[in-house]
């Protein structure tokens, strides 16, 4: 086994460094830190086996944010913190919202100010300006603008809710035609 120690590579800009061949294992010892002051691009696939990837983004002033996915949590003026966005375009427009969790393509996509929302599923809680909502299922609470304290479990549950608050819908398409009616509880498939 050979050992190479390098203190500096010149020129620093535009240098290509290849370590190992296909099938080789490159080990980074415990306690070692890889850091970069700019943007690092990885071409190809990155596989992490029995390890952890920590994404602690501070963009540009928000803290403790995690984003994974094309344009997830990508507002250039984000000041809100403690947000987690997993999926392309999730939490895309968030600027000052905090403590949101969005998992799925376009989950909480158009939300800019809302806080304390949980959206899981494609286009879940797509549009909202209010907080304290929980939406699980594709397109659940998709049209909401100012409703708060909503709970939707199921595909298309509370789909067309716009301004109503304090609704709970459990089941496929449950309360999906309700737009402004508040304080409803619906259990079951296609309960209107």
C-alpha atoms as a PDB file:
ATOM      1  CA  UNK A   1       0.000   0.000   0.000  1.00  0.00           C
ATOM      2  CA  UNK A   2       1.462   3.356  -0.972  1.00  0.00           C
ATOM      3  CA  UNK A   3       1.014   6.616   0.865  1.00  0.00           C
ATOM      4  CA  UNK A   4       0.989  10.116  -0.614  1.00  0.00           C
ATOM      5  CA  UNK A   5       0.974  13.304   1.424  1.00  0.00           C
ATOM      6  CA  UNK A   6       0.202  16.563  -0.362  1.00  0.00           C
ATOM      7  CA  UNK A   7       0.410  19.988   1.229  1.00  0.00           C
ATOM      8  CA  UNK A   8      -0.596  22.079  -1.784  1.00  0.00           C
ATOM      9  CA  UNK A   9      -1.520  21.631  -5.430  1.00  0.00           C
ATOM     10  CA  UNK A  10      -0.461  24.357  -7.863  1.00  0.00           C
ATOM     11  CA  UNK A  11      -2.191  25.789  -9.817  1.00  0.00           C
ATOM     12  CA  UNK A  12      -5.121  25.805  -7.392  1.00  0.00           C
ATOM     13  CA  UNK A  13      -7.764  26.808  -9.934  1.00  0.00           C
ATOM     14  CA  UNK A  14      -8.694  24.433 -12.737  1.00  0.00           C
ATOM     15  CA  UNK A  15      -6.682  21.506 -11.386  1.00  0.00           C
ATOM     16  CA  UNK A  16      -8.140  18.015 -11.811  1.00  0.00           C
ATOM     17  CA  UNK A  17      -7.148  15.508  -9.170  1.00  0.00           C
ATOM     18  CA  UNK A  18      -8.051  11.851  -9.654  1.00  0.00           C
ATOM     19  CA  UNK A  19      -7.819   9.581  -6.635  1.00  0.00           C
ATOM     20  CA  UNK A  20      -8.117   5.849  -7.179  1.00  0.00           C
ATOM     21  CA  UNK A  21      -9.611   3.799  -9.969  1.00  0.00           C
ATOM     22  CA  UNK A  22     -13.052   2.337 -10.560  1.00  0.00           C
ATOM     23  CA  UNK A  23     -13.881  -0.085  -7.770  1.00  0.00           C
ATOM     24  CA  UNK A  24     -11.411   1.466  -5.317  1.00  0.00           C
ATOM     25  CA  UNK A  25     -12.491   2.542  -1.856  1.00  0.00           C
ATOM     26  CA  UNK A  26     -11.407   5.955  -0.636  1.00  0.00           C
ATOM     27  CA  UNK A  27     -11.595   6.288   3.143  1.00  0.00           C
ATOM     28  CA  UNK A  28     -11.840   9.537   5.037  1.00  0.00           C
ATOM     29  CA  UNK A  29     -10.767   8.906   8.635  1.00  0.00           C
ATOM     30  CA  UNK A  30     -13.041   9.673  11.576  1.00  0.00           C
ATOM     31  CA  UNK A  31     -12.662  13.264  12.695  1.00  0.00           C
ATOM     32  CA  UNK A  32     -11.480  14.484   9.282  1.00  0.00           C
ATOM     33  CA  UNK A  33     -13.370  17.416   7.744  1.00  0.00           C
ATOM     34  CA  UNK A  34     -13.839  18.216   4.078  1.00  0.00           C
ATOM     35  CA  UNK A  35     -14.570  21.898   3.590  1.00  0.00           C
ATOM     36  CA  UNK A  36     -15.082  24.251   0.716  1.00  0.00           C
ATOM     37  CA  UNK A  37     -15.604  28.003   0.717  1.00  0.00           C
ATOM     38  CA  UNK A  38     -17.571  27.972  -2.548  1.00  0.00           C
ATOM     39  CA  UNK A  39     -19.741  25.546  -4.482  1.00  0.00           C
ATOM     40  CA  UNK A  40     -18.678  21.964  -5.061  1.00  0.00           C
ATOM     41  CA  UNK A  41     -20.096  19.980  -7.958  1.00  0.00           C
ATOM     42  CA  UNK A  42     -20.171  16.207  -8.020  1.00  0.00           C
ATOM     43  CA  UNK A  43     -20.648  14.810 -11.515  1.00  0.00           C
ATOM     44  CA  UNK A  44     -22.248  11.391 -11.589  1.00  0.00           C
ATOM     45  CA  UNK A  45     -23.792   9.529  -8.691  1.00  0.00           C
ATOM     46  CA  UNK A  46     -22.973   9.836  -5.017  1.00  0.00           C
ATOM     47  CA  UNK A  47     -23.743   6.842  -2.869  1.00  0.00           C
ATOM     48  CA  UNK A  48     -23.557   6.867   0.912  1.00  0.00           C
ATOM     49  CA  UNK A  49     -23.545   3.414   2.431  1.00  0.00           C
ATOM     50  CA  UNK A  50     -24.098   3.107   6.198  1.00  0.00           C
ATOM     51  CA  UNK A  51     -23.283   6.740   6.814  1.00  0.00           C
ATOM     52  CA  UNK A  52     -24.945  10.096   7.307  1.00  0.00           C
ATOM     53  CA  UNK A  53     -25.076  13.196   5.148  1.00  0.00           C
ATOM     54  CA  UNK A  54     -25.730  16.353   7.113  1.00  0.00           C
ATOM     55  CA  UNK A  55     -26.967  19.384   5.237  1.00  0.00           C
ATOM     56  CA  UNK A  56     -26.898  22.422   7.474  1.00  0.00           C
ATOM     57  CA  UNK A  57     -27.718  25.292   5.178  1.00  0.00           C
ATOM     58  CA  UNK A  58     -27.684  28.891   6.280  1.00  0.00           C
ATOM     59  CA  UNK A  59     -29.218  30.616   3.310  1.00  0.00           C
ATOM     60  CA  UNK A  60     -28.524  33.488   3.387  1.00  0.00           C
ATOM     61  CA  UNK A  61     -29.378  34.378   6.993  1.00  0.00           C
ATOM     62  CA  UNK A  62     -31.718  31.564   8.063  1.00  0.00           C
ATOM     63  CA  UNK A  63     -30.180  28.860  10.230  1.00  0.00           C
ATOM     64  CA  UNK A  64     -30.588  25.113  10.668  1.00  0.00           C
ATOM     65  CA  UNK A  65     -32.204  24.628   7.267  1.00  0.00           C
ATOM     66  CA  UNK A  66     -31.898  21.373   5.332  1.00  0.00           C
ATOM     67  CA  UNK A  67     -32.630  21.105   1.620  1.00  0.00           C
ATOM     68  CA  UNK A  68     -32.312  18.115  -0.662  1.00  0.00           C
ATOM     69  CA  UNK A  69     -33.707  18.282  -4.198  1.00  0.00           C
ATOM     70  CA  UNK A  70     -33.564  20.492  -7.265  1.00  0.00           C
ATOM     71  CA  UNK A  71     -34.497  24.054  -6.188  1.00  0.00           C
ATOM     72  CA  UNK A  72     -35.692  22.903  -2.767  1.00  0.00           C
ATOM     73  CA  UNK A  73     -35.746  25.797  -0.282  1.00  0.00           C
ATOM     74  CA  UNK A  74     -33.945  27.943  -2.829  1.00  0.00           C
ATOM     75  CA  UNK A  75     -35.194  31.475  -2.126  1.00  0.00           C
ATOM     76  CA  UNK A  76     -32.272  33.864  -2.294  1.00  0.00           C
ATOM     77  CA  UNK A  77     -33.719  35.894   0.595  1.00  0.00           C
ATOM     78  CA  UNK A  78     -34.490  33.114   3.084  1.00  0.00           C
ATOM     79  CA  UNK A  79     -34.385  34.354   6.672  1.00  0.00           C
ATOM     80  CA  UNK A  80     -36.558  31.645   8.260  1.00  0.00           C
ATOM     81  CA  UNK A  81     -34.865  28.811  10.089  1.00  0.00           C
ATOM     82  CA  UNK A  82     -35.401  25.188  11.100  1.00  0.00           C
ATOM     83  CA  UNK A  83     -36.962  24.247   7.757  1.00  0.00           C
ATOM     84  CA  UNK A  84     -36.578  20.849   6.089  1.00  0.00           C
ATOM     85  CA  UNK A  85     -37.270  20.483   2.379  1.00  0.00           C
ATOM     86  CA  UNK A  86     -36.855  17.147   0.602  1.00  0.00           C
ATOM     87  CA  UNK A  87     -37.959  16.901  -3.022  1.00  0.00           C
ATOM     88  CA  UNK A  88     -37.641  19.072  -6.095  1.00  0.00           C
ATOM     89  CA  UNK A  89     -39.255  22.501  -5.746  1.00  0.00           C
ATOM     90  CA  UNK A  90     -40.304  21.852  -2.131  1.00  0.00           C
ATOM     91  CA  UNK A  91     -40.484  25.036  -0.025  1.00  0.00           C
ATOM     92  CA  UNK A  92     -39.292  26.846  -3.164  1.00  0.00           C
ATOM     93  CA  UNK A  93     -40.719  30.281  -2.281  1.00  0.00           C
ATOM     94  CA  UNK A  94     -40.131  30.244   1.467  1.00  0.00           C
ATOM     95  CA  UNK A  95     -38.566  33.504   2.654  1.00  0.00           C
ATOM     96  CA  UNK A  96     -39.352  34.010   6.347  1.00  0.00           C
ATOM     97  CA  UNK A  97     -41.336  30.887   7.234  1.00  0.00           C
ATOM     98  CA  UNK A  98     -39.816  28.778   9.990  1.00  0.00           C
ATOM     99  CA  UNK A  99     -40.099  25.235  11.326  1.00  0.00           C
ATOM    100  CA  UNK A 100     -41.694  23.831   8.177  1.00  0.00           C
ATOM    101  CA  UNK A 101     -41.255  20.278   6.899  1.00  0.00           C
ATOM    102  CA  UNK A 102     -41.909  19.581   3.226  1.00  0.00           C
ATOM    103  CA  UNK A 103     -41.334  16.145   1.710  1.00  0.00           C
ATOM    104  CA  UNK A 104     -42.314  15.549  -1.920  1.00  0.00           C
ATOM    105  CA  UNK A 105     -42.183  17.362  -5.236  1.00  0.00           C
ATOM    106  CA  UNK A 106     -43.663  20.867  -4.880  1.00  0.00           C
ATOM    107  CA  UNK A 107     -44.658  20.306  -1.243  1.00  0.00           C
ATOM    108  CA  UNK A 108     -45.248  23.741   0.358  1.00  0.00           C
ATOM    109  CA  UNK A 109     -44.011  25.139  -2.955  1.00  0.00           C
ATOM    110  CA  UNK A 110     -45.640  28.593  -2.949  1.00  0.00           C
ATOM    111  CA  UNK A 111     -45.491  29.178   0.801  1.00  0.00           C
ATOM    112  CA  UNK A 112     -43.341  32.199   1.582  1.00  0.00           C
ATOM    113  CA  UNK A 113     -44.240  33.331   5.099  1.00  0.00           C
ATOM    114  CA  UNK A 114     -46.015  30.393   6.745  1.00  0.00           C
ATOM    115  CA  UNK A 115     -44.545  28.534   9.711  1.00  0.00           C
ATOM    116  CA  UNK A 116     -45.107  25.262  11.558  1.00  0.00           C
ATOM    117  CA  UNK A 117     -46.482  23.376   8.545  1.00  0.00           C
ATOM    118  CA  UNK A 118     -45.908  19.732   7.684  1.00  0.00           C
ATOM    119  CA  UNK A 119     -46.546  18.674   4.088  1.00  0.00           C
ATOM    120  CA  UNK A 120     -45.809  15.165   2.864  1.00  0.00           C
ATOM    121  CA  UNK A 121     -46.693  14.185  -0.699  1.00  0.00           C
ATOM    122  CA  UNK A 122     -46.548  15.564  -4.223  1.00  0.00           C
ATOM    123  CA  UNK A 123     -48.050  19.119  -4.242  1.00  0.00           C
ATOM    124  CA  UNK A 124     -49.142  18.764  -0.618  1.00  0.00           C
ATOM    125  CA  UNK A 125     -49.982  22.186   0.900  1.00  0.00           C
ATOM    126  CA  UNK A 126     -48.886  23.683  -2.404  1.00  0.00           C
ATOM    127  CA  UNK A 127     -50.133  27.220  -1.671  1.00  0.00           C
ATOM    128  CA  UNK A 128     -50.498  28.596   1.850  1.00  0.00           C
ATOM    129  CA  UNK A 129     -49.768  31.761   3.796  1.00  0.00           C
ATOM    130  CA  UNK A 130     -50.827  30.409   7.200  1.00  0.00           C
ATOM    131  CA  UNK A 131     -49.311  27.982   9.597  1.00  0.00           C
ATOM    132  CA  UNK A 132     -50.044  25.050  11.860  1.00  0.00           C
ATOM    133  CA  UNK A 133     -51.238  22.799   9.024  1.00  0.00           C
ATOM    134  CA  UNK A 134     -50.563  19.090   8.536  1.00  0.00           C
ATOM    135  CA  UNK A 135     -51.070  17.596   5.099  1.00  0.00           C
ATOM    136  CA  UNK A 136     -50.191  14.003   4.199  1.00  0.00           C
ATOM    137  CA  UNK A 137     -51.043  12.714   0.726  1.00  0.00           C
ATOM    138  CA  UNK A 138     -50.575  13.880  -2.841  1.00  0.00           C
ATOM    139  CA  UNK A 139     -52.467  17.127  -3.523  1.00  0.00           C
ATOM    140  CA  UNK A 140     -53.887  17.262  -0.013  1.00  0.00           C
ATOM    141  CA  UNK A 141     -54.775  20.850   0.963  1.00  0.00           C
ATOM    142  CA  UNK A 142     -53.380  21.899  -2.418  1.00  0.00           C
ATOM    143  CA  UNK A 143     -55.366  25.133  -2.907  1.00  0.00           C
ATOM    144  CA  UNK A 144     -55.214  26.497   0.649  1.00  0.00           C
ATOM    145  CA  UNK A 145     -54.373  30.198   0.899  1.00  0.00           C
ATOM    146  CA  UNK A 146     -55.285  31.444   4.388  1.00  0.00           C
ATOM    147  CA  UNK A 147     -56.688  28.422   6.226  1.00  0.00           C
ATOM    148  CA  UNK A 148     -54.886  27.318   9.365  1.00  0.00           C
ATOM    149  CA  UNK A 149     -55.046  24.481  11.883  1.00  0.00           C
ATOM    150  CA  UNK A 150     -55.895  22.023   9.097  1.00  0.00           C
ATOM    151  CA  UNK A 151     -55.264  18.281   9.194  1.00  0.00           C
ATOM    152  CA  UNK A 152     -55.575  16.313   5.956  1.00  0.00           C
ATOM    153  CA  UNK A 153     -54.625  12.653   5.628  1.00  0.00           C
ATOM    154  CA  UNK A 154     -55.194  11.078   2.222  1.00  0.00           C
ATOM    155  CA  UNK A 155     -54.751  11.842  -1.448  1.00  0.00           C
ATOM    156  CA  UNK A 156     -56.771  14.968  -2.387  1.00  0.00           C
ATOM    157  CA  UNK A 157     -58.051  15.408   1.185  1.00  0.00           C
ATOM    158  CA  UNK A 158     -59.142  19.048   1.660  1.00  0.00           C
ATOM    159  CA  UNK A 159     -57.985  19.574  -1.932  1.00  0.00           C
ATOM    160  CA  UNK A 160     -59.940  22.788  -2.613  1.00  0.00           C
ATOM    161  CA  UNK A 161     -59.827  24.300   0.874  1.00  0.00           C
ATOM    162  CA  UNK A 162     -58.951  27.976   0.375  1.00  0.00           C
ATOM    163  CA  UNK A 163     -59.778  30.077   3.441  1.00  0.00           C
ATOM    164  CA  UNK A 164     -61.405  27.649   5.886  1.00  0.00           C
ATOM    165  CA  UNK A 165     -59.691  26.840   9.176  1.00  0.00           C
ATOM    166  CA  UNK A 166     -59.915  24.134  11.836  1.00  0.00           C
ATOM    167  CA  UNK A 167     -60.859  21.288   9.487  1.00  0.00           C
ATOM    168  CA  UNK A 168     -59.843  17.636   9.773  1.00  0.00           C
ATOM    169  CA  UNK A 169     -60.214  15.320   6.770  1.00  0.00           C
ATOM    170  CA  UNK A 170     -59.104  11.685   6.801  1.00  0.00           C
ATOM    171  CA  UNK A 171     -59.515   9.515   3.709  1.00  0.00           C
ATOM    172  CA  UNK A 172     -59.133   9.640  -0.061  1.00  0.00           C
ATOM    173  CA  UNK A 173     -60.754  12.883  -1.345  1.00  0.00           C
ATOM    174  CA  UNK A 174     -62.194  13.592   2.106  1.00  0.00           C
ATOM    175  CA  UNK A 175     -63.670  17.128   2.211  1.00  0.00           C
ATOM    176  CA  UNK A 176     -62.136  17.731  -1.217  1.00  0.00           C
ATOM    177  CA  UNK A 177     -64.908  20.104  -2.404  1.00  0.00           C
ATOM    178  CA  UNK A 178     -64.963  22.226   0.751  1.00  0.00           C
ATOM    179  CA  UNK A 179     -63.557  25.700   0.132  1.00  0.00           C
ATOM    180  CA  UNK A 180     -64.603  28.051   2.956  1.00  0.00           C
ATOM    181  CA  UNK A 181     -66.433  25.923   5.544  1.00  0.00           C
ATOM    182  CA  UNK A 182     -64.617  25.786   8.880  1.00  0.00           C
ATOM    183  CA  UNK A 183     -64.669  23.466  11.889  1.00  0.00           C
ATOM    184  CA  UNK A 184     -65.508  20.283   9.973  1.00  0.00           C
ATOM    185  CA  UNK A 185     -64.435  16.713  10.656  1.00  0.00           C
ATOM    186  CA  UNK A 186     -64.727  14.126   7.878  1.00  0.00           C
ATOM    187  CA  UNK A 187     -63.661  10.490   8.007  1.00  0.00           C
ATOM    188  CA  UNK A 188     -63.858   8.226   4.982  1.00  0.00           C
ATOM    189  CA  UNK A 189     -63.458   8.181   1.240  1.00  0.00           C
ATOM    190  CA  UNK A 190     -64.987  11.086  -0.685  1.00  0.00           C
ATOM    191  CA  UNK A 191     -66.837  12.576   2.255  1.00  0.00           C
ATOM    192  CA  UNK A 192     -67.871  16.075   1.233  1.00  0.00           C
END
